[in-house]
Protein backbone atom coordinates (compact mmCIF):
# COMPACT_ATOMS: atom_id res chain seq x y z
CA MET A 1 35.40 112.59 52.05
CA ASN A 2 32.28 113.33 49.96
CA LYS A 3 33.58 111.02 47.24
CA LEU A 4 34.12 108.22 49.75
CA LYS A 5 30.52 108.61 51.05
CA LEU A 6 29.18 108.52 47.52
CA ILE A 7 31.09 105.33 46.75
CA ILE A 8 29.87 103.58 49.89
CA ILE A 9 26.24 104.67 49.29
CA THR A 10 26.43 103.50 45.69
CA TYR A 11 27.84 100.14 46.68
CA CYS A 12 25.24 99.60 49.40
CA ALA A 13 22.56 100.32 46.81
CA LEU A 14 23.88 97.42 44.73
CA PHE A 15 23.17 95.06 47.62
CA VAL A 16 19.67 96.49 48.05
CA LEU A 17 18.92 95.93 44.36
CA ALA A 18 20.49 92.44 44.36
CA GLY A 19 18.18 89.51 44.91
CA CYS A 20 18.05 85.93 46.02
CA ALA A 21 17.97 83.16 43.44
CA THR A 22 17.13 79.49 43.74
CA ASN A 23 20.20 77.34 43.12
CA PRO A 24 19.35 74.65 40.52
CA VAL A 25 21.35 72.01 42.44
CA SER A 26 20.60 72.68 46.11
CA LYS A 27 17.08 74.06 45.38
CA SER A 28 17.70 76.57 48.19
CA LYS A 29 17.70 80.36 48.04
CA GLU A 30 21.10 82.01 47.76
CA PHE A 31 22.21 85.62 47.61
CA SER A 32 23.45 86.47 44.11
CA LEU A 33 24.59 89.62 42.34
CA MET A 34 24.27 87.93 38.93
CA SER A 35 20.93 86.95 37.44
CA GLU A 36 20.60 83.89 35.24
CA LYS A 37 20.08 86.15 32.23
CA GLU A 38 23.35 87.95 33.00
CA GLU A 39 25.12 84.62 33.60
CA LEU A 40 24.09 83.26 30.20
CA ALA A 41 24.99 86.51 28.44
CA LEU A 42 28.44 86.51 30.07
CA GLY A 43 28.99 82.92 29.00
CA GLN A 44 28.17 83.70 25.37
CA GLN A 45 30.39 86.76 25.38
CA LEU A 46 33.36 84.90 26.88
CA ALA A 47 32.88 81.87 24.63
CA ALA A 48 33.05 84.11 21.55
CA GLU A 49 36.41 85.46 22.76
CA TYR A 50 37.80 82.09 23.85
CA ASN A 51 36.76 80.39 20.62
CA LYS A 52 38.53 83.11 18.68
CA ASN A 53 41.78 82.95 20.65
CA LEU A 54 42.18 79.33 21.78
CA PRO A 55 43.62 76.65 19.45
CA LEU A 56 40.44 74.57 19.19
CA LEU A 57 39.97 71.40 17.17
CA PRO A 58 37.21 71.87 14.57
CA ASP A 59 33.73 70.81 15.65
CA ASP A 60 33.74 68.07 13.01
CA ASP A 61 37.10 66.64 14.13
CA PRO A 62 36.49 63.04 15.27
CA LEU A 63 37.79 63.78 18.78
CA SER A 64 35.52 66.83 19.08
CA VAL A 65 32.54 64.80 17.86
CA TYR A 66 33.27 62.10 20.45
CA VAL A 67 33.59 64.60 23.32
CA ASN A 68 30.34 66.29 22.30
CA GLU A 69 28.51 62.95 22.16
CA VAL A 70 29.55 62.03 25.70
CA GLY A 71 28.97 65.57 26.96
CA GLN A 72 25.44 65.81 25.59
CA ARG A 73 24.57 62.48 27.19
CA LEU A 74 25.64 63.90 30.56
CA ALA A 75 23.95 67.27 30.01
CA PHE A 76 20.64 65.47 29.45
CA VAL A 77 20.66 64.14 33.05
CA SER A 78 22.00 67.34 34.66
CA ASP A 79 20.12 69.76 36.90
CA ARG A 80 20.00 72.35 34.11
CA LYS A 81 19.11 70.23 31.12
CA GLU A 82 17.21 73.16 29.56
CA LEU A 83 20.53 74.84 28.66
CA PHE A 84 22.31 74.37 25.35
CA TYR A 85 25.72 72.84 26.18
CA HIS A 86 28.72 73.28 23.90
CA PHE A 87 31.83 71.09 24.21
CA HIS A 88 35.23 71.99 22.77
CA VAL A 89 38.68 70.36 22.60
CA VAL A 90 41.61 72.74 23.10
CA ASP A 91 44.45 71.52 20.89
CA ASP A 92 47.40 71.83 23.25
CA ALA A 93 49.32 69.79 25.84
CA THR A 94 47.83 71.47 28.93
CA ILE A 95 46.34 69.08 31.50
CA ASN A 96 43.15 70.97 32.26
CA ALA A 97 39.44 71.37 31.61
CA PHE A 98 37.20 74.31 32.45
CA ALA A 99 33.64 75.59 32.13
CA LEU A 100 32.29 79.00 31.25
CA PRO A 101 28.92 80.21 32.54
CA GLY A 102 25.87 78.87 30.78
CA GLY A 103 27.25 75.61 29.39
CA HIS A 104 30.42 76.26 27.37
CA ILE A 105 32.87 73.50 28.36
CA TYR A 106 36.47 73.02 27.26
CA ILE A 107 38.78 70.04 27.69
CA HIS A 108 42.44 70.20 26.66
CA ARG A 109 43.93 67.46 24.50
CA GLY A 110 46.76 67.19 27.04
CA LEU A 111 44.28 65.94 29.64
CA MET A 112 42.55 63.62 27.20
CA MET A 113 45.82 61.79 26.52
CA TYR A 114 45.68 60.46 30.10
CA LEU A 115 42.09 59.20 29.90
CA ASN A 116 41.77 55.44 29.78
CA SER A 117 38.05 54.97 29.33
CA GLU A 118 34.97 56.75 28.13
CA ALA A 119 33.80 56.68 31.74
CA GLU A 120 36.85 58.79 32.72
CA LEU A 121 36.02 61.27 29.95
CA ALA A 122 32.48 61.37 31.32
CA SER A 123 33.77 62.09 34.83
CA VAL A 124 35.76 65.12 33.58
CA LEU A 125 32.86 66.53 31.58
CA ALA A 126 30.39 65.82 34.39
CA HIS A 127 32.65 67.73 36.79
CA GLU A 128 32.63 70.76 34.48
CA ILE A 129 28.87 70.47 33.93
CA GLY A 130 28.61 70.55 37.73
CA HIS A 131 30.21 74.00 37.75
CA VAL A 132 27.53 75.17 35.32
CA THR A 133 24.55 73.60 37.08
CA ALA A 134 25.61 74.85 40.53
CA ARG A 135 26.02 78.37 39.09
CA HIS A 136 29.58 78.58 40.36
CA ALA A 137 30.30 81.47 37.98
CA ALA A 138 27.52 83.53 39.59
CA GLN A 139 28.75 82.57 43.06
CA ARG A 140 32.33 83.50 42.15
CA TYR A 141 31.13 86.81 40.73
CA THR A 142 29.26 87.56 43.96
CA GLN A 143 32.36 86.69 46.00
CA ILE A 144 34.54 88.97 43.93
CA GLN A 145 32.00 91.76 44.18
CA GLY A 146 32.19 91.27 47.93
CA TYR A 147 35.65 92.79 47.72
CA GLN A 148 34.33 95.66 45.63
CA LEU A 149 33.77 98.10 48.49
CA GLY A 150 37.42 97.94 49.47
CA MET A 151 38.40 98.24 45.83
CA MET A 152 36.12 101.24 45.38
CA VAL A 153 37.77 102.95 48.33
CA THR A 154 41.12 102.11 46.74
CA SER A 155 39.92 103.71 43.52
CA ILE A 156 40.04 107.12 45.21
CA PHE A 157 43.79 106.74 44.69
CA VAL A 158 43.82 104.29 41.73
CA PRO A 159 41.95 104.90 38.45
CA PHE A 160 38.61 103.06 38.70
CA ASN A 161 38.82 101.52 35.22
CA GLN A 162 42.07 99.84 36.32
CA VAL A 163 40.35 98.42 39.42
CA THR A 164 37.34 97.07 37.51
CA GLY A 165 39.67 95.67 34.85
CA ASN A 166 41.54 93.70 37.51
CA LEU A 167 38.25 92.31 38.86
CA ALA A 168 37.16 91.25 35.38
CA ASN A 169 40.50 89.53 34.85
CA LEU A 170 40.16 87.76 38.22
CA LEU A 171 36.71 86.47 37.28
CA ALA A 172 37.86 85.26 33.86
CA ALA A 173 40.90 83.55 35.42
CA SER A 174 38.60 81.67 37.80
CA PHE A 175 36.94 79.87 34.92
CA ILE A 176 40.22 78.45 33.61
CA SER A 177 42.16 77.79 36.81
CA GLY A 178 39.33 76.71 39.10
CA PHE A 179 36.59 78.15 41.28
CA GLY A 180 38.05 77.44 44.72
CA ARG A 181 38.25 74.28 46.77
CA ASP A 182 34.68 74.11 48.07
CA MET A 183 33.23 74.56 44.60
CA GLU A 184 35.63 72.01 43.11
CA LEU A 185 34.61 69.42 45.70
CA GLN A 186 30.94 70.12 44.99
CA ALA A 187 31.62 69.65 41.26
CA ASP A 188 33.22 66.28 42.11
CA GLU A 189 30.05 65.30 43.98
CA LEU A 190 27.89 66.32 41.04
CA ALA A 191 30.12 64.34 38.67
CA LEU A 192 29.43 61.28 40.82
CA LYS A 193 25.73 61.99 40.36
CA TYR A 194 25.57 62.81 36.65
CA ALA A 195 27.99 60.17 35.32
CA PRO A 196 26.15 57.16 36.85
CA ASP A 197 22.78 58.68 35.86
CA ALA A 198 24.08 58.72 32.28
CA GLY A 199 25.10 55.07 32.61
CA TYR A 200 28.82 55.41 33.40
CA ASP A 201 30.86 53.63 36.07
CA PRO A 202 31.20 55.97 39.09
CA TYR A 203 34.61 54.48 39.97
CA ALA A 204 36.07 56.12 36.84
CA THR A 205 36.33 59.38 38.79
CA ILE A 206 38.63 57.68 41.30
CA GLN A 207 40.71 56.10 38.54
CA LEU A 208 41.12 59.43 36.78
CA LEU A 209 42.11 61.30 39.94
CA SER A 210 44.64 58.55 40.74
CA THR A 211 46.10 58.89 37.24
CA LEU A 212 46.43 62.65 37.66
CA GLN A 213 48.20 62.08 40.96
CA ARG A 214 50.69 59.79 39.17
CA VAL A 215 51.21 62.41 36.45
CA GLU A 216 51.89 64.97 39.17
CA HIS A 217 54.49 62.62 40.66
CA VAL A 218 56.29 62.18 37.31
CA ASN A 219 56.19 65.94 36.72
CA ASN A 220 57.87 66.44 40.10
CA LEU A 221 60.49 63.81 39.25
CA GLU A 222 61.34 65.75 36.09
CA ILE A 223 61.48 69.07 37.94
CA THR A 224 63.72 67.62 40.65
CA ASP A 225 65.93 66.01 38.00
CA THR A 226 66.78 69.42 36.54
CA GLY A 227 67.89 70.69 39.94
CA GLU A 228 64.78 72.77 40.60
CA LYS A 229 62.48 72.30 43.59
CA PRO A 230 58.93 71.16 42.84
CA PRO A 231 56.20 73.40 44.20
CA VAL A 232 54.91 72.54 47.68
CA TYR A 233 51.44 72.12 46.23
CA HIS A 234 51.10 71.39 42.54
CA GLY A 235 47.91 69.34 42.25
CA ALA A 236 46.17 68.05 39.15
CA PHE A 237 44.86 71.57 38.67
CA ALA A 238 46.64 74.38 40.47
CA THR A 239 43.73 75.84 42.45
CA HIS A 240 41.80 72.60 42.91
CA PRO A 241 41.78 70.76 46.23
CA GLU A 242 44.68 68.47 46.95
CA THR A 243 44.31 65.41 44.74
CA ARG A 244 44.58 63.00 47.68
CA LYS A 245 41.60 64.65 49.38
CA ARG A 246 39.55 64.49 46.21
CA ILE A 247 40.31 60.78 45.79
CA GLN A 248 39.30 60.08 49.40
CA GLN A 249 35.98 61.89 49.09
CA ALA A 250 35.22 60.40 45.66
CA THR A 251 35.96 56.89 46.97
CA GLU A 252 33.62 57.33 49.94
CA LYS A 253 30.86 58.60 47.65
CA ALA A 254 31.33 55.88 45.00
CA GLN A 255 31.33 53.09 47.59
CA SER A 256 27.94 54.24 48.85
CA MET A 257 26.43 54.02 45.37
CA HIS A 258 26.84 50.26 44.75
CA SER A 259 26.38 50.59 41.01
CA ASN A 260 28.40 49.76 37.94
CA GLY A 261 28.12 51.19 34.46
CA PHE A 262 29.78 51.64 31.11
CA VAL A 263 33.60 51.86 31.02
CA ASN A 264 34.41 51.62 27.29
CA HIS A 265 38.21 51.40 27.57
CA GLU A 266 38.85 50.39 23.97
CA ARG A 267 36.61 53.07 22.46
CA MET A 268 38.48 55.80 24.35
CA LEU A 269 41.85 54.50 23.16
CA ALA A 270 40.63 54.24 19.57
CA ALA A 271 39.48 57.88 19.75
CA LEU A 272 42.96 59.03 20.86
CA ASN A 273 44.94 56.93 18.40
CA GLY A 274 47.10 59.06 16.09
CA TYR A 275 46.68 62.38 17.91
CA PRO A 276 49.77 64.33 19.10
CA TYR A 277 50.86 63.31 22.59
CA GLY A 278 52.20 66.70 23.61
CA ASP A 279 52.52 69.94 21.72
CA SER A 280 50.72 70.44 18.43
CA PRO A 281 52.79 70.46 15.21
CA GLU A 282 52.46 74.25 15.01
CA GLU A 283 54.24 74.65 18.37
CA GLY A 284 57.07 72.18 17.78
CA ALA A 285 57.83 69.13 19.90
CA VAL A 286 60.51 67.56 22.08
CA VAL A 287 61.45 64.04 20.96
CA GLY A 288 64.06 62.47 23.22
CA GLN A 289 67.03 64.88 23.02
CA LYS A 290 65.72 66.64 19.90
CA PHE A 291 63.50 69.64 19.36
CA LEU A 292 61.54 69.59 16.09
CA HIS A 293 59.50 72.44 14.64
CA ARG A 294 57.54 71.87 11.45
CA ASP A 295 56.53 75.47 10.72
CA LEU A 296 60.02 76.84 11.38
CA GLY A 297 61.46 73.92 9.42
CA LEU A 298 64.29 73.32 11.88
CA GLN A 299 65.55 70.86 14.45
CA LEU A 300 68.08 70.92 17.29
CA THR A 301 69.82 68.11 19.14
CA PHE A 302 70.95 68.53 22.76
CA PRO A 303 73.68 66.55 24.56
CA GLU A 304 72.40 63.81 26.87
CA ARG A 305 72.78 65.79 30.09
CA TRP A 306 70.36 68.53 28.94
CA VAL A 307 66.67 68.63 29.90
CA ILE A 308 64.45 70.30 27.28
CA GLN A 309 61.10 72.04 27.69
CA ASN A 310 58.92 73.52 24.97
CA THR A 311 56.41 76.31 25.64
CA PRO A 312 54.38 78.47 23.22
CA GLN A 313 56.73 81.37 23.97
CA ALA A 314 60.15 79.71 23.73
CA VAL A 315 62.17 76.51 23.84
CA THR A 316 64.18 76.26 27.06
CA ALA A 317 66.71 73.74 28.32
CA ARG A 318 69.07 73.25 31.23
CA ILE A 319 71.94 70.99 32.18
CA ARG A 320 70.79 68.83 35.09
CA ASN A 321 71.71 70.35 38.45
CA GLN A 322 73.85 73.06 36.85
CA SER A 323 73.25 76.78 36.39
CA VAL A 324 73.62 76.42 32.63
CA TYR A 325 70.67 77.36 30.44
CA PHE A 326 69.39 77.61 26.87
CA MET A 327 66.52 79.56 25.34
CA MET A 328 65.36 79.93 21.74
CA ALA A 329 62.59 82.27 20.62
CA GLN A 330 61.49 84.29 17.61
CA LYS A 331 61.48 88.08 17.32
CA PRO A 332 59.38 89.84 14.66
CA LEU A 333 61.20 92.42 12.55
CA SER A 334 59.69 95.64 11.23
CA ARG A 335 62.48 96.55 8.79
CA ARG A 336 65.27 94.89 6.85
CA VAL A 337 68.39 94.70 9.01
CA SER A 338 71.42 92.45 9.28
CA ALA A 339 71.73 89.67 11.85
CA LYS A 340 74.61 91.63 13.43
CA GLU A 341 72.40 94.72 13.82
CA VAL A 342 69.68 92.69 15.50
CA LEU A 343 72.20 91.13 17.91
CA GLU A 344 73.79 94.45 18.83
CA SER A 345 70.35 95.99 19.46
CA LEU A 346 69.61 93.47 22.22
CA PHE A 347 72.34 94.59 24.64
CA PRO A 348 74.37 97.73 25.42
CA LYS A 349 77.24 97.77 22.95
CA ARG A 350 79.88 97.76 25.69
CA HIS A 351 78.64 94.33 26.85
CA VAL A 352 78.92 92.69 23.42
CA GLY A 353 82.17 91.00 22.45
CA GLU A 354 83.46 90.27 18.98
CA VAL A 355 80.64 89.44 16.55
CA THR A 356 81.19 86.67 14.01
CA THR A 357 78.89 86.19 11.02
CA GLY A 358 78.12 83.44 8.56
CA THR A 359 75.32 81.40 7.02
CA LEU A 360 73.60 78.24 8.24
CA MET A 361 70.89 76.44 6.29
CA GLY A 362 71.27 79.22 3.73
CA LYS A 363 70.30 81.91 6.24
CA PRO A 364 72.60 84.61 7.67
CA TYR A 365 73.51 84.55 11.33
CA ALA A 366 75.58 86.54 13.82
CA ARG A 367 77.14 85.21 17.02
CA ALA A 368 78.83 86.85 20.00
CA ARG A 369 79.56 86.45 23.68
CA VAL A 370 77.82 88.97 25.92
CA ILE A 371 78.61 89.84 29.53
CA ALA A 372 75.31 90.60 31.28
CA SER A 373 72.85 89.32 33.84
CA ALA A 374 70.51 86.53 32.75
CA PRO A 375 67.59 84.60 34.27
CA LYS A 376 68.75 82.71 37.39
CA VAL A 377 72.37 83.85 36.84
CA SER A 378 73.06 87.44 37.82
CA LYS A 379 76.70 87.44 36.69
CA ALA A 380 76.46 85.52 33.44
CA ALA A 381 78.23 85.18 30.15
CA ILE A 382 75.82 84.64 27.27
CA ASP A 383 76.58 82.94 23.97
CA ILE A 384 74.01 84.54 21.65
CA ILE A 385 73.15 83.65 18.07
CA VAL A 386 70.76 85.59 15.84
CA GLN A 387 69.63 84.04 12.56
CA LEU A 388 67.43 85.88 10.07
CA ASP A 389 64.39 84.20 8.54
CA GLY A 390 62.41 86.63 6.40
CA ASP A 391 60.64 89.15 8.63
CA LYS A 392 61.61 87.25 11.79
CA ALA A 393 64.82 86.69 13.72
CA LEU A 394 65.55 83.41 15.50
CA ILE A 395 67.36 84.26 18.74
CA VAL A 396 69.30 81.57 20.61
CA ASN A 397 70.74 82.32 24.05
CA MET A 398 73.00 79.94 25.97
CA TRP A 399 74.39 81.14 29.29
CA ALA A 400 76.30 80.12 32.42
CA PRO A 401 78.18 81.85 35.26
CA ARG A 402 80.95 83.99 33.78
CA ASP A 403 83.79 82.11 35.39
CA GLU A 404 82.40 78.74 34.23
CA ILE A 405 81.19 79.35 30.69
CA ASP A 406 84.38 78.15 28.97
CA SER A 407 83.86 74.66 30.40
CA TYR A 408 80.43 74.47 28.71
CA GLN A 409 81.43 75.96 25.38
CA SER A 410 81.66 72.51 23.77
CA ASP A 411 77.99 71.91 24.64
CA PHE A 412 77.00 75.27 23.17
CA ASP A 413 78.94 74.56 19.99
CA ALA A 414 77.38 71.11 19.65
CA ILE A 415 73.85 72.52 20.01
CA PHE A 416 74.55 75.26 17.48
CA LYS A 417 76.09 72.87 14.96
CA SER A 418 73.09 70.53 15.32
CA LEU A 419 70.74 73.24 14.01
CA LYS A 420 69.49 71.99 10.65
CA SER A 421 66.39 71.84 8.49
CA TYR A 422 63.50 69.58 9.48
CA ASP A 423 61.33 67.54 7.14
CA PRO A 424 58.75 65.27 8.87
CA LYS A 425 58.90 62.76 5.99
CA ILE A 426 62.64 62.35 6.41
CA ASP A 427 63.28 63.13 10.09
CA GLY A 428 60.15 61.65 11.64
CA ASP A 429 56.91 63.10 12.96
CA ILE A 430 56.15 64.66 16.33
CA PRO A 431 55.22 62.16 19.10
CA ARG A 432 51.76 60.69 18.63
CA ILE A 433 49.56 58.27 20.54
CA THR A 434 49.66 54.73 19.23
CA ILE A 435 47.84 51.62 20.44
CA HIS A 436 49.77 48.53 21.52
CA THR A 437 48.64 45.08 22.61
CA TRP A 438 50.40 44.12 25.85
CA HIS A 439 52.50 40.95 25.57
CA GLN A 440 53.61 38.73 28.40
CA GLN A 441 57.26 39.73 28.01
CA ASP A 442 56.49 43.47 27.95
CA SER A 443 57.45 45.95 30.67
CA TRP A 444 57.25 49.72 30.77
CA GLN A 445 61.05 49.92 30.81
CA LYS A 446 61.36 47.70 27.72
CA LEU A 447 58.72 49.66 25.83
CA ALA A 448 60.44 52.93 26.76
CA GLU A 449 63.80 51.65 25.52
CA ARG A 450 62.18 50.38 22.33
CA SER A 451 60.83 53.91 21.72
CA GLY A 452 64.30 55.42 22.17
CA ASN A 453 63.04 57.03 25.40
CA ILE A 454 60.95 59.32 23.26
CA LEU A 455 59.62 61.24 26.27
CA GLY A 456 63.00 61.72 27.92
CA LYS A 457 64.61 60.20 30.99
CA PHE A 458 61.29 59.24 32.60
CA THR A 459 59.64 57.73 29.53
CA ALA A 460 58.86 54.45 31.34
CA GLU A 461 57.15 56.33 34.17
CA ARG A 462 55.25 58.41 31.59
CA PHE A 463 54.09 55.31 29.72
CA ALA A 464 52.80 53.75 32.95
CA ALA A 465 51.00 56.94 34.03
CA LEU A 466 49.57 57.33 30.54
CA ASN A 467 47.78 54.05 31.16
CA GLY A 468 46.73 54.78 34.74
CA MET A 469 49.38 52.60 36.34
CA GLU A 470 52.47 52.68 38.52
CA LEU A 471 55.85 51.63 37.12
CA ASN A 472 55.64 48.31 38.98
CA GLN A 473 52.16 47.50 37.66
CA SER A 474 51.35 45.91 34.33
CA PRO A 475 48.20 45.22 32.28
CA GLU A 476 46.91 41.74 31.61
CA THR A 477 48.33 40.05 28.54
CA GLY A 478 46.26 40.96 25.50
CA ASN A 479 44.99 44.26 26.87
CA LEU A 480 45.24 47.37 24.72
CA ILE A 481 47.42 50.20 26.01
CA LYS A 482 48.60 53.64 24.82
CA LEU A 483 52.17 54.28 23.82
CA VAL A 484 53.89 57.21 22.12
CA LYS A 485 55.99 57.03 18.99
């Protein structure tokens, strides 16, 4: 009981010592447990860690230079123009942007691919600047600390360093995934203030949000096509307000402004030309029914009925609407062992059937059928292949319900036999953005077919969304658009 009293007294003292600060946006006093000095120090500390661990484009990369130019123009008209703002491009396919305290702002290349004007880029950056100027990090910190008393009481039973670690993780996660719906809507409002003040068209915010809603729709089509159920709420960003609500509020605000500004459609497209559409070369890429990986020097081809997904952790695939799956990942090795030894170490020996060995692409492999549970299939049979590559093992798992696996063996064999070396000069590069002039006879379906449906079954829908349009809409003849090839 004495410990509980001490914790409560200590926590109450924190509130006594805490002060009120003037919010730079609202100009009103607000209760805050984080001073501006602490906010800026936290931002610098986090930025040092993020810059070390995220795959960032170099500061002198043309895309980084362009983002910084637009960002600095917006920062100059913001409510905290005295801060030094730093803008970074994260080199991956994630559709997101986020801000750290004090002016460190990140936009992912995956989001930039869907921008169709400099004004849309400005709306994204202005939104993130809004998080900084409104001190949303300090507000979020104060909210999280509001739960601290309960967590301190919990720490009587749970080690306190574990509790504080969870709170720190929660705060850090807020910066990447979003600050909560009220703060996101306020950042939208600030974007509609800063972007026009910097000379940009305020309607670009509406266009961008509409594009993100279309991307969400295509993503759900792809999820449904595999046989999975799309999430009830997906949104452009997972914790942001529903996209429809954001569009409605942005439209009402923009209509009250009665001002036009820079759009710069062609400059934005020129800036994106030649960059990877999806994953970076280091992570591999899905091209139609193929998976290509430059650093691993390999490629795989899947039968038409398979849907493929690449993530930094593994390549996964599934037969549409069937409980039949594929996964390929790498495993580091600490000692020299045979492929058979690696395979047999992954499962209890009694579950592993006859192991066959051989070489493929000059590298030894082992293959066996294993009876065990697997993701999404509790009673599965797994066709597993382990191939050695220096101090790493490439592990390929293909599985289905035990009583059905024989009927899919031909697919597994075809995928395994398709494994071969990959040379970008011979086999083609990863998908990249290219610029195309729209002709009168063009359609999204025709352009998708001409590309060999490079982005899969819904390539036409992807091409339309990439350009901020529906499948039944088309640009004016002579307009520049983005394609992927």
